[in-house]
């Protein structure tokens, strides 16, 4: 059983994207909540929440991809 290096690098790229989202989402939420009287409050709030949700999704997806690269048997026909 060997590590599939191409799938591992794909998983690490997804985790790098997750790291960006993990900082961008809360930052946008902080900016939105700091300026509630501004006209961009609702769009920034929605964008921040979507980025936070994307960080959670891509975090699970990245961990799953990394685990599959290490523990999935490459000879099997399972997806």
PDB file of N, CA and C in Angstrom:
ATOM      1  N   UNK A   1       0.853  -1.171   0.000  1.00  0.00           N
ATOM      2  CA  UNK A   1       0.000   0.000   0.000  1.00  0.00           C
ATOM      3  C   UNK A   1       0.902   1.240   0.000  1.00  0.00           C
ATOM      4  N   UNK A   2       0.795   2.034  -1.063  1.00  0.00           N
ATOM      5  CA  UNK A   2       1.611   3.228  -1.197  1.00  0.00           C
ATOM      6  C   UNK A   2       0.722   4.463  -1.257  1.00  0.00           C
ATOM      7  N   UNK A   3       1.320   5.595  -0.968  1.00  0.00           N
ATOM      8  CA  UNK A   3       0.604   6.862  -1.043  1.00  0.00           C
ATOM      9  C   UNK A   3       0.528   7.320  -2.493  1.00  0.00           C
ATOM     10  N   UNK A   4      -0.660   7.683  -2.923  1.00  0.00           N
ATOM     11  CA  UNK A   4      -0.850   8.241  -4.253  1.00  0.00           C
ATOM     12  C   UNK A   4      -0.444   9.712  -4.195  1.00  0.00           C
ATOM     13  N   UNK A   5       0.727  10.016  -4.738  1.00  0.00           N
ATOM     14  CA  UNK A   5       1.297  11.355  -4.579  1.00  0.00           C
ATOM     15  C   UNK A   5       0.513  12.431  -5.319  1.00  0.00           C
ATOM     16  N   UNK A   6      -0.050  12.120  -6.455  1.00  0.00           N
ATOM     17  CA  UNK A   6      -0.819  13.136  -7.182  1.00  0.00           C
ATOM     18  C   UNK A   6      -2.097  13.493  -6.423  1.00  0.00           C
ATOM     19  N   UNK A   7      -2.739  12.490  -5.838  1.00  0.00           N
ATOM     20  CA  UNK A   7      -3.943  12.758  -5.049  1.00  0.00           C
ATOM     21  C   UNK A   7      -3.588  13.480  -3.744  1.00  0.00           C
ATOM     22  N   UNK A   8      -2.434  13.160  -3.189  1.00  0.00           N
ATOM     23  CA  UNK A   8      -1.981  13.846  -1.980  1.00  0.00           C
ATOM     24  C   UNK A   8      -1.727  15.323  -2.262  1.00  0.00           C
ATOM     25  N   UNK A   9      -1.089  15.630  -3.372  1.00  0.00           N
ATOM     26  CA  UNK A   9      -0.834  17.033  -3.699  1.00  0.00           C
ATOM     27  C   UNK A   9      -2.140  17.773  -3.974  1.00  0.00           C
ATOM     28  N   UNK A  10      -3.111  17.096  -4.562  1.00  0.00           N
ATOM     29  CA  UNK A  10      -4.428  17.698  -4.775  1.00  0.00           C
ATOM     30  C   UNK A  10      -5.084  18.023  -3.434  1.00  0.00           C
ATOM     31  N   UNK A  11      -4.986  17.109  -2.478  1.00  0.00           N
ATOM     32  CA  UNK A  11      -5.539  17.337  -1.150  1.00  0.00           C
ATOM     33  C   UNK A  11      -4.849  18.478  -0.426  1.00  0.00           C
ATOM     34  N   UNK A  12      -3.538  18.597  -0.585  1.00  0.00           N
ATOM     35  CA  UNK A  12      -2.807  19.688   0.054  1.00  0.00           C
ATOM     36  C   UNK A  12      -3.168  21.034  -0.561  1.00  0.00           C
ATOM     37  N   UNK A  13      -3.427  21.056  -1.859  1.00  0.00           N
ATOM     38  CA  UNK A  13      -3.871  22.295  -2.507  1.00  0.00           C
ATOM     39  C   UNK A  13      -5.248  22.705  -1.993  1.00  0.00           C
ATOM     40  N   UNK A  14      -6.116  21.732  -1.802  1.00  0.00           N
ATOM     41  CA  UNK A  14      -7.442  22.032  -1.254  1.00  0.00           C
ATOM     42  C   UNK A  14      -7.303  22.569   0.166  1.00  0.00           C
ATOM     43  N   UNK A  15      -6.390  22.011   0.946  1.00  0.00           N
ATOM     44  CA  UNK A  15      -6.195  22.495   2.312  1.00  0.00           C
ATOM     45  C   UNK A  15      -5.590  23.894   2.327  1.00  0.00           C
ATOM     46  N   UNK A  16      -4.759  24.224   1.352  1.00  0.00           N
ATOM     47  CA  UNK A  16      -4.228  25.586   1.253  1.00  0.00           C
ATOM     48  C   UNK A  16      -5.354  26.579   0.957  1.00  0.00           C
ATOM     49  N   UNK A  17      -6.270  26.191   0.081  1.00  0.00           N
ATOM     50  CA  UNK A  17      -7.430  27.024  -0.209  1.00  0.00           C
ATOM     51  C   UNK A  17      -8.296  27.181   1.036  1.00  0.00           C
ATOM     52  N   UNK A  18      -8.434  26.112   1.799  1.00  0.00           N
ATOM     53  CA  UNK A  18      -9.190  26.163   3.050  1.00  0.00           C
ATOM     54  C   UNK A  18      -8.570  27.158   4.019  1.00  0.00           C
ATOM     55  N   UNK A  19      -7.255  27.175   4.102  1.00  0.00           N
ATOM     56  CA  UNK A  19      -6.567  28.095   4.994  1.00  0.00           C
ATOM     57  C   UNK A  19      -6.857  29.546   4.623  1.00  0.00           C
ATOM     58  N   UNK A  20      -6.878  29.838   3.333  1.00  0.00           N
ATOM     59  CA  UNK A  20      -7.215  31.189   2.882  1.00  0.00           C
ATOM     60  C   UNK A  20      -8.644  31.538   3.274  1.00  0.00           C
ATOM     61  N   UNK A  21      -9.562  30.610   3.044  1.00  0.00           N
ATOM     62  CA  UNK A  21     -10.970  30.849   3.392  1.00  0.00           C
ATOM     63  C   UNK A  21     -11.155  31.005   4.903  1.00  0.00           C
ATOM     64  N   UNK A  22     -10.359  30.275   5.695  1.00  0.00           N
ATOM     65  CA  UNK A  22     -10.493  30.347   7.145  1.00  0.00           C
ATOM     66  C   UNK A  22     -10.112  31.717   7.692  1.00  0.00           C
ATOM     67  N   UNK A  23      -9.264  32.448   6.999  1.00  0.00           N
ATOM     68  CA  UNK A  23      -8.918  33.793   7.428  1.00  0.00           C
ATOM     69  C   UNK A  23      -9.806  34.849   6.761  1.00  0.00           C
ATOM     70  N   UNK A  24     -10.168  34.638   5.507  1.00  0.00           N
ATOM     71  CA  UNK A  24     -10.950  35.636   4.780  1.00  0.00           C
ATOM     72  C   UNK A  24     -12.386  35.726   5.292  1.00  0.00           C
ATOM     73  N   UNK A  25     -13.012  34.609   5.599  1.00  0.00           N
ATOM     74  CA  UNK A  25     -14.400  34.604   6.048  1.00  0.00           C
ATOM     75  C   UNK A  25     -14.625  35.370   7.342  1.00  0.00           C
ATOM     76  N   UNK A  26     -13.926  35.020   8.419  1.00  0.00           N
ATOM     77  CA  UNK A  26     -14.107  35.776   9.662  1.00  0.00           C
ATOM     78  C   UNK A  26     -13.695  37.246   9.546  1.00  0.00           C
ATOM     79  N   UNK A  27     -12.702  37.542   8.717  1.00  0.00           N
ATOM     80  CA  UNK A  27     -12.314  38.934   8.507  1.00  0.00           C
ATOM     81  C   UNK A  27     -13.449  39.725   7.873  1.00  0.00           C
ATOM     82  N   UNK A  28     -14.083  39.145   6.853  1.00  0.00           N
ATOM     83  CA  UNK A  28     -15.217  39.821   6.225  1.00  0.00           C
ATOM     84  C   UNK A  28     -16.396  39.955   7.184  1.00  0.00           C
ATOM     85  N   UNK A  29     -16.621  38.948   8.012  1.00  0.00           N
ATOM     86  CA  UNK A  29     -17.691  39.046   9.008  1.00  0.00           C
ATOM     87  C   UNK A  29     -17.404  40.150  10.017  1.00  0.00           C
ATOM     88  N   UNK A  30     -16.165  40.276  10.437  1.00  0.00           N
ATOM     89  CA  UNK A  30     -15.793  41.337  11.371  1.00  0.00           C
ATOM     90  C   UNK A  30     -16.005  42.713  10.737  1.00  0.00           C
ATOM     91  N   UNK A  31     -15.603  42.851   9.482  1.00  0.00           N
ATOM     92  CA  UNK A  31     -15.789  44.127   8.784  1.00  0.00           C
ATOM     93  C   UNK A  31     -17.276  44.440   8.642  1.00  0.00           C
ATOM     94  N   UNK A  32     -18.064  43.435   8.317  1.00  0.00           N
ATOM     95  CA  UNK A  32     -19.503  43.651   8.151  1.00  0.00           C
ATOM     96  C   UNK A  32     -20.143  44.064   9.470  1.00  0.00           C
ATOM     97  N   UNK A  33     -19.820  43.378  10.561  1.00  0.00           N
ATOM     98  CA  UNK A  33     -20.438  43.706  11.852  1.00  0.00           C
ATOM     99  C   UNK A  33     -19.924  45.023  12.421  1.00  0.00           C
ATOM    100  N   UNK A  34     -18.738  45.467  11.994  1.00  0.00           N
ATOM    101  CA  UNK A  34     -18.217  46.747  12.450  1.00  0.00           C
ATOM    102  C   UNK A  34     -18.902  47.921  11.764  1.00  0.00           C
ATOM    103  N   UNK A  35     -19.451  47.710  10.592  1.00  0.00           N
ATOM    104  CA  UNK A  35     -20.051  48.785   9.800  1.00  0.00           C
ATOM    105  C   UNK A  35     -21.501  48.466   9.477  1.00  0.00           C
ATOM    106  N   UNK A  36     -22.311  48.291  10.485  1.00  0.00           N
ATOM    107  CA  UNK A  36     -23.705  47.907  10.260  1.00  0.00           C
ATOM    108  C   UNK A  36     -24.530  49.017   9.627  1.00  0.00           C
ATOM    109  N   UNK A  37     -24.105  50.258   9.741  1.00  0.00           N
ATOM    110  CA  UNK A  37     -24.873  51.352   9.169  1.00  0.00           C
ATOM    111  C   UNK A  37     -24.523  51.633   7.700  1.00  0.00           C
ATOM    112  N   UNK A  38     -23.510  50.993   7.175  1.00  0.00           N
ATOM    113  CA  UNK A  38     -23.081  51.202   5.791  1.00  0.00           C
ATOM    114  C   UNK A  38     -23.961  50.409   4.826  1.00  0.00           C
ATOM    115  N   UNK A  39     -24.035  50.833   3.567  1.00  0.00           N
ATOM    116  CA  UNK A  39     -24.887  50.120   2.596  1.00  0.00           C
ATOM    117  C   UNK A  39     -24.348  48.742   2.187  1.00  0.00           C
ATOM    118  N   UNK A  40     -23.081  48.480   2.410  1.00  0.00           N
ATOM    119  CA  UNK A  40     -22.504  47.180   2.036  1.00  0.00           C
ATOM    120  C   UNK A  40     -22.572  46.158   3.166  1.00  0.00           C
ATOM    121  N   UNK A  41     -23.320  46.457   4.209  1.00  0.00           N
ATOM    122  CA  UNK A  41     -23.405  45.550   5.360  1.00  0.00           C
ATOM    123  C   UNK A  41     -23.955  44.180   4.955  1.00  0.00           C
ATOM    124  N   UNK A  42     -25.089  44.141   4.288  1.00  0.00           N
ATOM    125  CA  UNK A  42     -25.732  42.868   3.924  1.00  0.00           C
ATOM    126  C   UNK A  42     -24.886  42.083   2.917  1.00  0.00           C
ATOM    127  N   UNK A  43     -24.375  42.702   1.830  1.00  0.00           N
ATOM    128  CA  UNK A  43     -23.536  41.907   0.912  1.00  0.00           C
ATOM    129  C   UNK A  43     -22.270  41.350   1.573  1.00  0.00           C
ATOM    130  N   UNK A  44     -21.623  42.142   2.427  1.00  0.00           N
ATOM    131  CA  UNK A  44     -20.426  41.641   3.114  1.00  0.00           C
ATOM    132  C   UNK A  44     -20.768  40.526   4.089  1.00  0.00           C
ATOM    133  N   UNK A  45     -21.894  40.657   4.760  1.00  0.00           N
ATOM    134  CA  UNK A  45     -22.325  39.620   5.693  1.00  0.00           C
ATOM    135  C   UNK A  45     -22.598  38.309   4.961  1.00  0.00           C
ATOM    136  N   UNK A  46     -23.309  38.390   3.849  1.00  0.00           N
ATOM    137  CA  UNK A  46     -23.616  37.187   3.061  1.00  0.00           C
ATOM    138  C   UNK A  46     -22.331  36.573   2.510  1.00  0.00           C
ATOM    139  N   UNK A  47     -21.450  37.414   1.969  1.00  0.00           N
ATOM    140  CA  UNK A  47     -20.188  36.913   1.416  1.00  0.00           C
ATOM    141  C   UNK A  47     -19.327  36.261   2.500  1.00  0.00           C
ATOM    142  N   UNK A  48     -19.262  36.871   3.671  1.00  0.00           N
ATOM    143  CA  UNK A  48     -18.496  36.300   4.773  1.00  0.00           C
ATOM    144  C   UNK A  48     -19.037  34.956   5.219  1.00  0.00           C
ATOM    145  N   UNK A  49     -20.373  34.854   5.306  1.00  0.00           N
ATOM    146  CA  UNK A  49     -20.981  33.574   5.701  1.00  0.00           C
ATOM    147  C   UNK A  49     -20.743  32.494   4.646  1.00  0.00           C
ATOM    148  N   UNK A  50     -20.826  32.873   3.374  1.00  0.00           N
ATOM    149  CA  UNK A  50     -20.567  31.896   2.307  1.00  0.00           C
ATOM    150  C   UNK A  50     -19.113  31.425   2.323  1.00  0.00           C
ATOM    151  N   UNK A  51     -18.189  32.333   2.570  1.00  0.00           N
ATOM    152  CA  UNK A  51     -16.778  31.947   2.617  1.00  0.00           C
ATOM    153  C   UNK A  51     -16.502  31.060   3.829  1.00  0.00           C
ATOM    154  N   UNK A  52     -17.141  31.343   4.964  1.00  0.00           N
ATOM    155  CA  UNK A  52     -16.982  30.476   6.143  1.00  0.00           C
ATOM    156  C   UNK A  52     -17.526  29.078   5.864  1.00  0.00           C
ATOM    157  N   UNK A  53     -18.680  29.010   5.191  1.00  0.00           N
ATOM    158  CA  UNK A  53     -19.245  27.702   4.837  1.00  0.00           C
ATOM    159  C   UNK A  53     -18.335  26.967   3.852  1.00  0.00           C
ATOM    160  N   UNK A  54     -17.754  27.711   2.907  1.00  0.00           N
ATOM    161  CA  UNK A  54     -16.825  27.095   1.945  1.00  0.00           C
ATOM    162  C   UNK A  54     -15.581  26.573   2.655  1.00  0.00           C
ATOM    163  N   UNK A  55     -15.110  27.280   3.675  1.00  0.00           N
ATOM    164  CA  UNK A  55     -13.942  26.817   4.434  1.00  0.00           C
ATOM    165  C   UNK A  55     -14.229  25.488   5.116  1.00  0.00           C
ATOM    166  N   UNK A  56     -15.416  25.353   5.678  1.00  0.00           N
ATOM    167  CA  UNK A  56     -15.786  24.095   6.340  1.00  0.00           C
ATOM    168  C   UNK A  56     -15.882  22.968   5.309  1.00  0.00           C
ATOM    169  N   UNK A  57     -16.546  23.248   4.176  1.00  0.00           N
ATOM    170  CA  UNK A  57     -16.711  22.229   3.135  1.00  0.00           C
ATOM    171  C   UNK A  57     -15.351  21.785   2.583  1.00  0.00           C
ATOM    172  N   UNK A  58     -14.526  22.754   2.192  1.00  0.00           N
ATOM    173  CA  UNK A  58     -13.237  22.402   1.613  1.00  0.00           C
ATOM    174  C   UNK A  58     -12.295  21.777   2.642  1.00  0.00           C
ATOM    175  N   UNK A  59     -12.477  22.089   3.921  1.00  0.00           N
ATOM    176  CA  UNK A  59     -11.680  21.435   4.957  1.00  0.00           C
ATOM    177  C   UNK A  59     -11.963  19.948   5.017  1.00  0.00           C
ATOM    178  N   UNK A  60     -13.246  19.604   5.043  1.00  0.00           N
ATOM    179  CA  UNK A  60     -13.604  18.177   5.040  1.00  0.00           C
ATOM    180  C   UNK A  60     -13.182  17.498   3.738  1.00  0.00           C
ATOM    181  N   UNK A  61     -13.381  18.187   2.618  1.00  0.00           N
ATOM    182  CA  UNK A  61     -13.023  17.619   1.310  1.00  0.00           C
ATOM    183  C   UNK A  61     -11.512  17.392   1.227  1.00  0.00           C
ATOM    184  N   UNK A  62     -10.721  18.337   1.721  1.00  0.00           N
ATOM    185  CA  UNK A  62      -9.265  18.201   1.684  1.00  0.00           C
ATOM    186  C   UNK A  62      -8.775  17.064   2.557  1.00  0.00           C
ATOM    187  N   UNK A  63      -9.325  16.946   3.760  1.00  0.00           N
ATOM    188  CA  UNK A  63      -8.930  15.852   4.652  1.00  0.00           C
ATOM    189  C   UNK A  63      -9.320  14.509   4.055  1.00  0.00           C
ATOM    190  N   UNK A  64     -10.514  14.450   3.451  1.00  0.00           N
ATOM    191  CA  UNK A  64     -10.946  13.204   2.819  1.00  0.00           C
ATOM    192  C   UNK A  64     -10.030  12.835   1.655  1.00  0.00           C
ATOM    193  N   UNK A  65      -9.632  13.800   0.859  1.00  0.00           N
ATOM    194  CA  UNK A  65      -8.739  13.531  -0.273  1.00  0.00           C
ATOM    195  C   UNK A  65      -7.379  13.048   0.208  1.00  0.00           C
ATOM    196  N   UNK A  66      -6.854  13.664   1.263  1.00  0.00           N
ATOM    197  CA  UNK A  66      -5.559  13.252   1.807  1.00  0.00           C
ATOM    198  C   UNK A  66      -5.650  11.832   2.373  1.00  0.00           C
ATOM    199  N   UNK A  67      -6.714  11.541   3.100  1.00  0.00           N
ATOM    200  CA  UNK A  67      -6.880  10.195   3.652  1.00  0.00           C
ATOM    201  C   UNK A  67      -7.035   9.153   2.551  1.00  0.00           C
ATOM    202  N   UNK A  68      -7.791   9.491   1.512  1.00  0.00           N
ATOM    203  CA  UNK A  68      -7.945   8.555   0.394  1.00  0.00           C
ATOM    204  C   UNK A  68      -6.615   8.312  -0.309  1.00  0.00           C
ATOM    205  N   UNK A  69      -5.771   9.332  -0.399  1.00  0.00           N
ATOM    206  CA  UNK A  69      -4.482   9.141  -1.069  1.00  0.00           C
ATOM    207  C   UNK A  69      -3.578   8.210  -0.279  1.00  0.00           C
ATOM    208  N   UNK A  70      -3.753   8.179   1.031  1.00  0.00           N
ATOM    209  CA  UNK A  70      -2.881   7.331   1.857  1.00  0.00           C
ATOM    210  C   UNK A  70      -3.426   5.925   2.066  1.00  0.00           C
ATOM    211  N   UNK A  71      -4.738   5.791   2.197  1.00  0.00           N
ATOM    212  CA  UNK A  71      -5.283   4.507   2.641  1.00  0.00           C
ATOM    213  C   UNK A  71      -6.100   3.764   1.599  1.00  0.00           C
ATOM    214  N   UNK A  72      -6.452   4.363   0.480  1.00  0.00           N
ATOM    215  CA  UNK A  72      -7.234   3.650  -0.527  1.00  0.00           C
ATOM    216  C   UNK A  72      -6.314   2.756  -1.347  1.00  0.00           C
ATOM    217  N   UNK A  73      -6.799   1.562  -1.617  1.00  0.00           N
ATOM    218  CA  UNK A  73      -6.048   0.624  -2.443  1.00  0.00           C
ATOM    219  C   UNK A  73      -6.175   1.067  -3.894  1.00  0.00           C
ATOM    220  N   UNK A  74      -5.050   1.353  -4.549  1.00  0.00           N
ATOM    221  CA  UNK A  74      -5.093   1.852  -5.925  1.00  0.00           C
ATOM    222  C   UNK A  74      -5.487   0.783  -6.936  1.00  0.00           C
ATOM    223  N   UNK A  75      -5.468  -0.507  -6.565  1.00  0.00           N
ATOM    224  CA  UNK A  75      -5.835  -1.571  -7.475  1.00  0.00           C
ATOM    225  C   UNK A  75      -7.343  -1.823  -7.521  1.00  0.00           C
ATOM    226  N   UNK A  76      -8.082  -1.300  -6.535  1.00  0.00           N
ATOM    227  CA  UNK A  76      -9.521  -1.542  -6.519  1.00  0.00           C
ATOM    228  C   UNK A  76     -10.217  -0.588  -7.476  1.00  0.00           C
ATOM    229  N   UNK A  77     -11.413  -0.947  -7.890  1.00  0.00           N
ATOM    230  CA  UNK A  77     -12.170  -0.155  -8.836  1.00  0.00           C
ATOM    231  C   UNK A  77     -13.154   0.779  -8.159  1.00  0.00           C
ATOM    232  N   UNK A  78     -13.077   0.940  -6.839  1.00  0.00           N
ATOM    233  CA  UNK A  78     -14.003   1.816  -6.136  1.00  0.00           C
ATOM    234  C   UNK A  78     -13.640   3.270  -6.396  1.00  0.00           C
ATOM    235  N   UNK A  79     -14.630   4.184  -6.406  1.00  0.00           N
ATOM    236  CA  UNK A  79     -14.363   5.602  -6.712  1.00  0.00           C
ATOM    237  C   UNK A  79     -13.646   6.324  -5.629  1.00  0.00           C
TER     238      UNK A  79
END
